[in-house]
Amino acid sequence: MAMIKGGGGALTREKIVAACAKKFVCIIDQSKLVDVMGTFPLPVEVIPMARSYVARQLVKLGGNPVLRSGFTTDNGNVILDVHGMSILDPVAMESEINQLVGVVTVGLFARRGADVCLMGTQDGVQTFTR
């Protein structure tokens, strides 16, 4: 299952955990389930020197990048939150953004999505598996 993670700014560390995990399990609430990804801003961790360049490239991809003001990642980088991007092919978009010079990683978890997703609803827990 493809997803956007990293709203708290730890997307690189979350990707490392996902890569190391034998089984990647995510827990969400019902508000996180969408038909097309991009409703929630897409976080992109960027080396500070490359911020302007990466922002221009993200605009070319159809997004509106906004610097997460006053925030530095645990790795000493900045986050660009990309708004207004309709992500129809999450795997391709993840690869394209990750190939931009200066990008550490993007908060798209499509190539290594969740194996199991537990979604809390008013009626209980719904389980999705890959």
N, C-alpha and C. Protein backbone atom coordinates (compact mmCIF):
# COMPACT_ATOMS: atom_id res chain seq x y z
N MET A 1 0.83 -1.18 0.00
CA MET A 1 0.00 0.00 0.00
C MET A 1 0.87 1.24 0.00
N ALA A 2 0.63 2.10 -0.94
CA ALA A 2 1.36 3.36 -1.01
C ALA A 2 0.80 4.33 0.02
N MET A 3 1.66 5.18 0.54
CA MET A 3 1.23 6.15 1.54
C MET A 3 2.18 7.34 1.56
N ILE A 4 1.72 8.41 2.17
CA ILE A 4 2.56 9.57 2.45
C ILE A 4 2.82 9.56 3.94
N LYS A 5 4.09 9.64 4.31
CA LYS A 5 4.49 9.71 5.71
C LYS A 5 5.50 10.83 5.86
N GLY A 6 5.81 11.17 7.07
CA GLY A 6 6.84 12.17 7.32
C GLY A 6 6.31 13.53 7.69
N GLY A 7 5.03 13.59 8.05
CA GLY A 7 4.46 14.87 8.47
C GLY A 7 5.16 15.43 9.70
N GLY A 8 5.76 14.55 10.49
CA GLY A 8 6.52 14.99 11.66
C GLY A 8 7.97 15.30 11.36
N GLY A 9 8.38 15.08 10.11
CA GLY A 9 9.73 15.44 9.68
C GLY A 9 10.76 14.34 9.78
N ALA A 10 10.36 13.15 10.18
CA ALA A 10 11.33 12.05 10.34
C ALA A 10 11.26 11.07 9.17
N LEU A 11 10.95 11.56 7.96
CA LEU A 11 10.72 10.66 6.84
C LEU A 11 11.92 9.82 6.46
N THR A 12 13.13 10.36 6.55
CA THR A 12 14.31 9.56 6.21
C THR A 12 14.46 8.41 7.19
N ARG A 13 14.28 8.69 8.45
CA ARG A 13 14.39 7.62 9.46
C ARG A 13 13.26 6.61 9.31
N GLU A 14 12.06 7.09 8.95
CA GLU A 14 10.95 6.17 8.73
C GLU A 14 11.22 5.26 7.54
N LYS A 15 11.86 5.81 6.50
CA LYS A 15 12.20 4.99 5.33
C LYS A 15 13.25 3.94 5.69
N ILE A 16 14.19 4.30 6.55
CA ILE A 16 15.20 3.34 6.98
C ILE A 16 14.53 2.20 7.76
N VAL A 17 13.62 2.55 8.66
CA VAL A 17 12.90 1.53 9.43
C VAL A 17 12.11 0.62 8.48
N ALA A 18 11.43 1.21 7.50
CA ALA A 18 10.65 0.41 6.54
C ALA A 18 11.56 -0.53 5.75
N ALA A 19 12.72 -0.04 5.34
CA ALA A 19 13.65 -0.86 4.56
C ALA A 19 14.18 -2.04 5.37
N CYS A 20 14.37 -1.83 6.66
CA CYS A 20 14.92 -2.88 7.52
C CYS A 20 13.87 -3.88 8.00
N ALA A 21 12.61 -3.48 7.95
CA ALA A 21 11.54 -4.31 8.52
C ALA A 21 11.22 -5.52 7.65
N LYS A 22 11.03 -6.66 8.30
CA LYS A 22 10.55 -7.84 7.58
C LYS A 22 9.10 -7.64 7.18
N LYS A 23 8.34 -7.01 8.08
CA LYS A 23 6.94 -6.69 7.81
C LYS A 23 6.71 -5.25 8.27
N PHE A 24 6.25 -4.41 7.34
CA PHE A 24 6.03 -2.98 7.61
C PHE A 24 4.55 -2.78 7.91
N VAL A 25 4.25 -2.43 9.15
CA VAL A 25 2.88 -2.25 9.61
C VAL A 25 2.66 -0.78 9.94
N CYS A 26 1.57 -0.22 9.42
CA CYS A 26 1.22 1.17 9.72
C CYS A 26 -0.15 1.22 10.37
N ILE A 27 -0.29 2.16 11.29
CA ILE A 27 -1.56 2.37 11.98
C ILE A 27 -2.03 3.77 11.64
N ILE A 28 -3.26 3.87 11.15
CA ILE A 28 -3.81 5.17 10.74
C ILE A 28 -5.22 5.32 11.26
N ASP A 29 -5.75 6.55 11.15
CA ASP A 29 -7.17 6.74 11.40
C ASP A 29 -7.85 6.93 10.04
N GLN A 30 -9.15 6.89 10.04
CA GLN A 30 -9.94 6.90 8.82
C GLN A 30 -9.71 8.15 7.97
N SER A 31 -9.32 9.25 8.58
CA SER A 31 -9.12 10.50 7.83
C SER A 31 -7.94 10.41 6.86
N LYS A 32 -7.07 9.44 7.04
CA LYS A 32 -5.87 9.31 6.19
C LYS A 32 -6.14 8.57 4.88
N LEU A 33 -7.28 7.90 4.77
CA LEU A 33 -7.60 7.11 3.58
C LEU A 33 -8.16 8.03 2.49
N VAL A 34 -7.50 8.06 1.33
CA VAL A 34 -7.92 8.92 0.21
C VAL A 34 -7.92 8.11 -1.08
N ASP A 35 -8.68 8.59 -2.07
CA ASP A 35 -8.71 7.94 -3.38
C ASP A 35 -7.46 8.27 -4.18
N VAL A 36 -7.05 9.55 -4.15
CA VAL A 36 -5.87 10.00 -4.88
C VAL A 36 -4.93 10.68 -3.90
N MET A 37 -3.68 10.25 -3.88
CA MET A 37 -2.70 10.84 -2.96
C MET A 37 -2.37 12.26 -3.39
N GLY A 38 -2.08 13.10 -2.40
CA GLY A 38 -1.73 14.48 -2.65
C GLY A 38 -2.62 15.45 -1.91
N THR A 39 -3.68 14.94 -1.28
CA THR A 39 -4.54 15.78 -0.45
C THR A 39 -3.73 16.33 0.72
N PHE A 40 -2.94 15.47 1.32
CA PHE A 40 -2.04 15.84 2.41
C PHE A 40 -0.74 16.32 1.77
N PRO A 41 -0.14 17.42 2.26
CA PRO A 41 1.12 17.89 1.67
C PRO A 41 2.20 16.80 1.70
N LEU A 42 2.95 16.72 0.63
CA LEU A 42 4.01 15.72 0.47
C LEU A 42 5.33 16.29 0.99
N PRO A 43 5.88 15.73 2.09
CA PRO A 43 7.14 16.24 2.61
C PRO A 43 8.33 15.73 1.78
N VAL A 44 9.27 16.63 1.53
CA VAL A 44 10.50 16.28 0.82
C VAL A 44 11.66 16.81 1.65
N GLU A 45 12.55 15.92 2.09
CA GLU A 45 13.73 16.33 2.85
C GLU A 45 14.82 16.73 1.87
N VAL A 46 15.36 17.94 2.08
CA VAL A 46 16.28 18.54 1.11
C VAL A 46 17.51 19.09 1.83
N ILE A 47 18.67 18.91 1.21
CA ILE A 47 19.90 19.54 1.70
C ILE A 47 19.71 21.05 1.56
N PRO A 48 19.98 21.84 2.61
CA PRO A 48 19.68 23.27 2.58
C PRO A 48 20.20 24.01 1.34
N MET A 49 21.40 23.71 0.90
CA MET A 49 21.98 24.41 -0.26
C MET A 49 21.15 24.20 -1.53
N ALA A 50 20.42 23.10 -1.61
CA ALA A 50 19.67 22.76 -2.82
C ALA A 50 18.20 23.17 -2.76
N ARG A 51 17.81 23.83 -1.68
CA ARG A 51 16.38 24.14 -1.46
C ARG A 51 15.73 24.85 -2.65
N SER A 52 16.33 25.92 -3.13
CA SER A 52 15.73 26.69 -4.23
C SER A 52 15.64 25.87 -5.51
N TYR A 53 16.72 25.15 -5.82
CA TYR A 53 16.73 24.32 -7.03
C TYR A 53 15.64 23.26 -6.96
N VAL A 54 15.58 22.55 -5.84
CA VAL A 54 14.59 21.48 -5.69
C VAL A 54 13.18 22.06 -5.75
N ALA A 55 12.96 23.20 -5.12
CA ALA A 55 11.64 23.83 -5.14
C ALA A 55 11.22 24.13 -6.58
N ARG A 56 12.12 24.65 -7.39
CA ARG A 56 11.80 24.93 -8.80
C ARG A 56 11.44 23.65 -9.56
N GLN A 57 12.15 22.58 -9.28
CA GLN A 57 11.87 21.31 -9.96
C GLN A 57 10.52 20.74 -9.51
N LEU A 58 10.18 20.92 -8.26
CA LEU A 58 8.89 20.44 -7.76
C LEU A 58 7.73 21.21 -8.38
N VAL A 59 7.94 22.50 -8.63
CA VAL A 59 6.93 23.30 -9.33
C VAL A 59 6.72 22.73 -10.74
N LYS A 60 7.80 22.37 -11.41
CA LYS A 60 7.70 21.78 -12.75
C LYS A 60 6.93 20.46 -12.74
N LEU A 61 6.95 19.78 -11.60
CA LEU A 61 6.21 18.52 -11.47
C LEU A 61 4.74 18.74 -11.07
N GLY A 62 4.35 20.02 -10.93
CA GLY A 62 2.96 20.34 -10.63
C GLY A 62 2.65 20.66 -9.19
N GLY A 63 3.68 20.76 -8.36
CA GLY A 63 3.45 21.03 -6.94
C GLY A 63 3.71 22.46 -6.56
N ASN A 64 3.30 22.81 -5.36
CA ASN A 64 3.55 24.12 -4.78
C ASN A 64 4.34 23.90 -3.49
N PRO A 65 5.70 23.90 -3.58
CA PRO A 65 6.51 23.62 -2.39
C PRO A 65 6.57 24.80 -1.43
N VAL A 66 6.42 24.50 -0.15
CA VAL A 66 6.48 25.52 0.90
C VAL A 66 7.51 25.05 1.93
N LEU A 67 8.46 25.92 2.24
CA LEU A 67 9.47 25.60 3.25
C LEU A 67 8.79 25.46 4.60
N ARG A 68 9.07 24.38 5.30
CA ARG A 68 8.55 24.20 6.66
C ARG A 68 9.36 25.11 7.56
N SER A 69 8.79 26.24 7.87
CA SER A 69 9.47 27.32 8.58
C SER A 69 9.91 26.91 9.98
N GLY A 70 11.15 27.25 10.32
CA GLY A 70 11.67 27.01 11.66
C GLY A 70 11.90 25.55 12.00
N PHE A 71 12.00 24.70 10.99
CA PHE A 71 12.16 23.27 11.24
C PHE A 71 13.41 22.75 10.56
N THR A 72 14.18 21.98 11.30
CA THR A 72 15.35 21.29 10.76
C THR A 72 15.22 19.82 11.13
N THR A 73 15.50 18.93 10.19
CA THR A 73 15.39 17.49 10.47
C THR A 73 16.51 17.06 11.41
N ASP A 74 16.39 15.85 11.91
CA ASP A 74 17.45 15.28 12.76
C ASP A 74 18.76 15.16 11.99
N ASN A 75 18.67 15.17 10.66
CA ASN A 75 19.86 15.07 9.81
C ASN A 75 20.42 16.44 9.42
N GLY A 76 19.81 17.52 9.94
CA GLY A 76 20.29 18.87 9.65
C GLY A 76 19.79 19.44 8.33
N ASN A 77 18.73 18.86 7.79
CA ASN A 77 18.19 19.31 6.51
C ASN A 77 16.87 20.05 6.70
N VAL A 78 16.32 20.55 5.59
CA VAL A 78 15.05 21.26 5.62
C VAL A 78 13.98 20.39 4.97
N ILE A 79 12.73 20.74 5.23
CA ILE A 79 11.59 20.05 4.63
C ILE A 79 10.84 21.03 3.74
N LEU A 80 10.58 20.60 2.51
CA LEU A 80 9.66 21.31 1.63
C LEU A 80 8.36 20.52 1.65
N ASP A 81 7.27 21.15 2.05
CA ASP A 81 5.96 20.51 2.01
C ASP A 81 5.32 20.89 0.68
N VAL A 82 5.06 19.89 -0.15
CA VAL A 82 4.54 20.13 -1.49
C VAL A 82 3.02 20.00 -1.48
N HIS A 83 2.36 21.10 -1.78
CA HIS A 83 0.90 21.17 -1.79
C HIS A 83 0.39 21.06 -3.23
N GLY A 84 -0.86 20.64 -3.36
CA GLY A 84 -1.55 20.68 -4.65
C GLY A 84 -1.09 19.69 -5.69
N MET A 85 -0.42 18.64 -5.27
CA MET A 85 0.10 17.67 -6.23
C MET A 85 -0.82 16.45 -6.24
N SER A 86 -1.40 16.15 -7.38
CA SER A 86 -2.23 14.96 -7.53
C SER A 86 -1.31 13.82 -7.95
N ILE A 87 -1.16 12.83 -7.10
CA ILE A 87 -0.18 11.76 -7.32
C ILE A 87 -0.91 10.52 -7.84
N LEU A 88 -0.96 10.40 -9.17
CA LEU A 88 -1.68 9.30 -9.80
C LEU A 88 -0.83 8.05 -9.91
N ASP A 89 0.49 8.21 -10.02
CA ASP A 89 1.42 7.08 -10.11
C ASP A 89 2.47 7.26 -9.01
N PRO A 90 2.16 6.81 -7.79
CA PRO A 90 3.05 7.04 -6.65
C PRO A 90 4.46 6.48 -6.83
N VAL A 91 4.60 5.31 -7.44
CA VAL A 91 5.92 4.70 -7.62
C VAL A 91 6.78 5.58 -8.53
N ALA A 92 6.21 6.02 -9.66
CA ALA A 92 6.95 6.88 -10.59
C ALA A 92 7.30 8.22 -9.95
N MET A 93 6.34 8.80 -9.21
CA MET A 93 6.59 10.10 -8.57
C MET A 93 7.67 9.98 -7.51
N GLU A 94 7.64 8.92 -6.72
CA GLU A 94 8.68 8.72 -5.70
C GLU A 94 10.05 8.65 -6.36
N SER A 95 10.16 7.89 -7.42
CA SER A 95 11.44 7.75 -8.12
C SER A 95 11.90 9.08 -8.72
N GLU A 96 10.97 9.79 -9.34
CA GLU A 96 11.32 11.06 -9.99
C GLU A 96 11.81 12.09 -8.99
N ILE A 97 11.13 12.22 -7.86
CA ILE A 97 11.54 13.20 -6.85
C ILE A 97 12.86 12.77 -6.20
N ASN A 98 13.00 11.49 -5.91
CA ASN A 98 14.24 11.02 -5.28
C ASN A 98 15.46 11.21 -6.17
N GLN A 99 15.26 11.33 -7.48
CA GLN A 99 16.38 11.52 -8.40
C GLN A 99 16.81 12.98 -8.52
N LEU A 100 16.05 13.90 -7.95
CA LEU A 100 16.44 15.31 -8.00
C LEU A 100 17.68 15.53 -7.13
N VAL A 101 18.66 16.19 -7.69
CA VAL A 101 19.89 16.48 -6.95
C VAL A 101 19.54 17.36 -5.75
N GLY A 102 19.98 16.95 -4.58
CA GLY A 102 19.73 17.71 -3.36
C GLY A 102 18.62 17.13 -2.50
N VAL A 103 17.83 16.22 -3.07
CA VAL A 103 16.78 15.56 -2.30
C VAL A 103 17.39 14.42 -1.50
N VAL A 104 17.11 14.40 -0.21
CA VAL A 104 17.54 13.28 0.63
C VAL A 104 16.55 12.14 0.44
N THR A 105 15.28 12.43 0.63
CA THR A 105 14.20 11.48 0.32
C THR A 105 12.87 12.21 0.32
N VAL A 106 11.89 11.53 -0.22
CA VAL A 106 10.52 12.06 -0.28
C VAL A 106 9.64 11.20 0.61
N GLY A 107 8.60 11.79 1.16
CA GLY A 107 7.71 11.08 2.07
C GLY A 107 6.72 10.16 1.40
N LEU A 108 6.95 9.82 0.14
CA LEU A 108 6.13 8.82 -0.54
C LEU A 108 6.68 7.44 -0.21
N PHE A 109 5.85 6.59 0.30
CA PHE A 109 6.22 5.21 0.57
C PHE A 109 5.42 4.36 -0.40
N ALA A 110 5.91 4.28 -1.64
CA ALA A 110 5.21 3.53 -2.68
C ALA A 110 6.03 2.32 -3.11
N ARG A 111 7.32 2.52 -3.30
CA ARG A 111 8.18 1.40 -3.68
C ARG A 111 8.27 0.40 -2.54
N ARG A 112 8.26 0.88 -1.32
CA ARG A 112 8.23 0.03 -0.12
C ARG A 112 7.08 0.52 0.74
N GLY A 113 5.88 0.17 0.30
CA GLY A 113 4.70 0.56 1.05
C GLY A 113 4.45 -0.40 2.20
N ALA A 114 3.36 -0.18 2.89
CA ALA A 114 3.02 -1.01 4.04
C ALA A 114 2.59 -2.40 3.60
N ASP A 115 3.02 -3.40 4.36
CA ASP A 115 2.54 -4.76 4.16
C ASP A 115 1.17 -4.94 4.80
N VAL A 116 0.99 -4.27 5.94
CA VAL A 116 -0.27 -4.31 6.67
C VAL A 116 -0.59 -2.90 7.13
N CYS A 117 -1.86 -2.53 6.98
CA CYS A 117 -2.31 -1.22 7.46
C CYS A 117 -3.52 -1.46 8.36
N LEU A 118 -3.44 -0.96 9.57
CA LEU A 118 -4.54 -1.06 10.53
C LEU A 118 -5.19 0.32 10.62
N MET A 119 -6.46 0.39 10.24
CA MET A 119 -7.15 1.68 10.23
C MET A 119 -8.23 1.69 11.30
N GLY A 120 -8.09 2.64 12.22
CA GLY A 120 -9.09 2.81 13.25
C GLY A 120 -10.30 3.55 12.71
N THR A 121 -11.48 2.98 12.94
CA THR A 121 -12.73 3.61 12.52
C THR A 121 -13.65 3.71 13.73
N GLN A 122 -14.79 4.34 13.55
CA GLN A 122 -15.76 4.42 14.64
C GLN A 122 -16.30 3.05 15.00
N ASP A 123 -16.23 2.12 14.04
CA ASP A 123 -16.77 0.77 14.26
C ASP A 123 -15.71 -0.24 14.70
N GLY A 124 -14.48 0.20 14.83
CA GLY A 124 -13.41 -0.72 15.22
C GLY A 124 -12.20 -0.57 14.31
N VAL A 125 -11.48 -1.66 14.11
CA VAL A 125 -10.26 -1.65 13.32
C VAL A 125 -10.48 -2.40 12.01
N GLN A 126 -10.09 -1.77 10.92
CA GLN A 126 -10.14 -2.40 9.61
C GLN A 126 -8.71 -2.72 9.19
N THR A 127 -8.48 -3.92 8.67
CA THR A 127 -7.14 -4.36 8.29
C THR A 127 -7.03 -4.45 6.77
N PHE A 128 -5.95 -3.84 6.24
CA PHE A 128 -5.64 -3.93 4.81
C PHE A 128 -4.29 -4.63 4.68
N THR A 129 -4.19 -5.55 3.74
CA THR A 129 -2.91 -6.21 3.49
C THR A 129 -2.55 -6.08 2.02
N ARG A 130 -1.25 -6.16 1.80
CA ARG A 130 -0.76 -6.04 0.43
C ARG A 130 -0.87 -7.35 -0.27
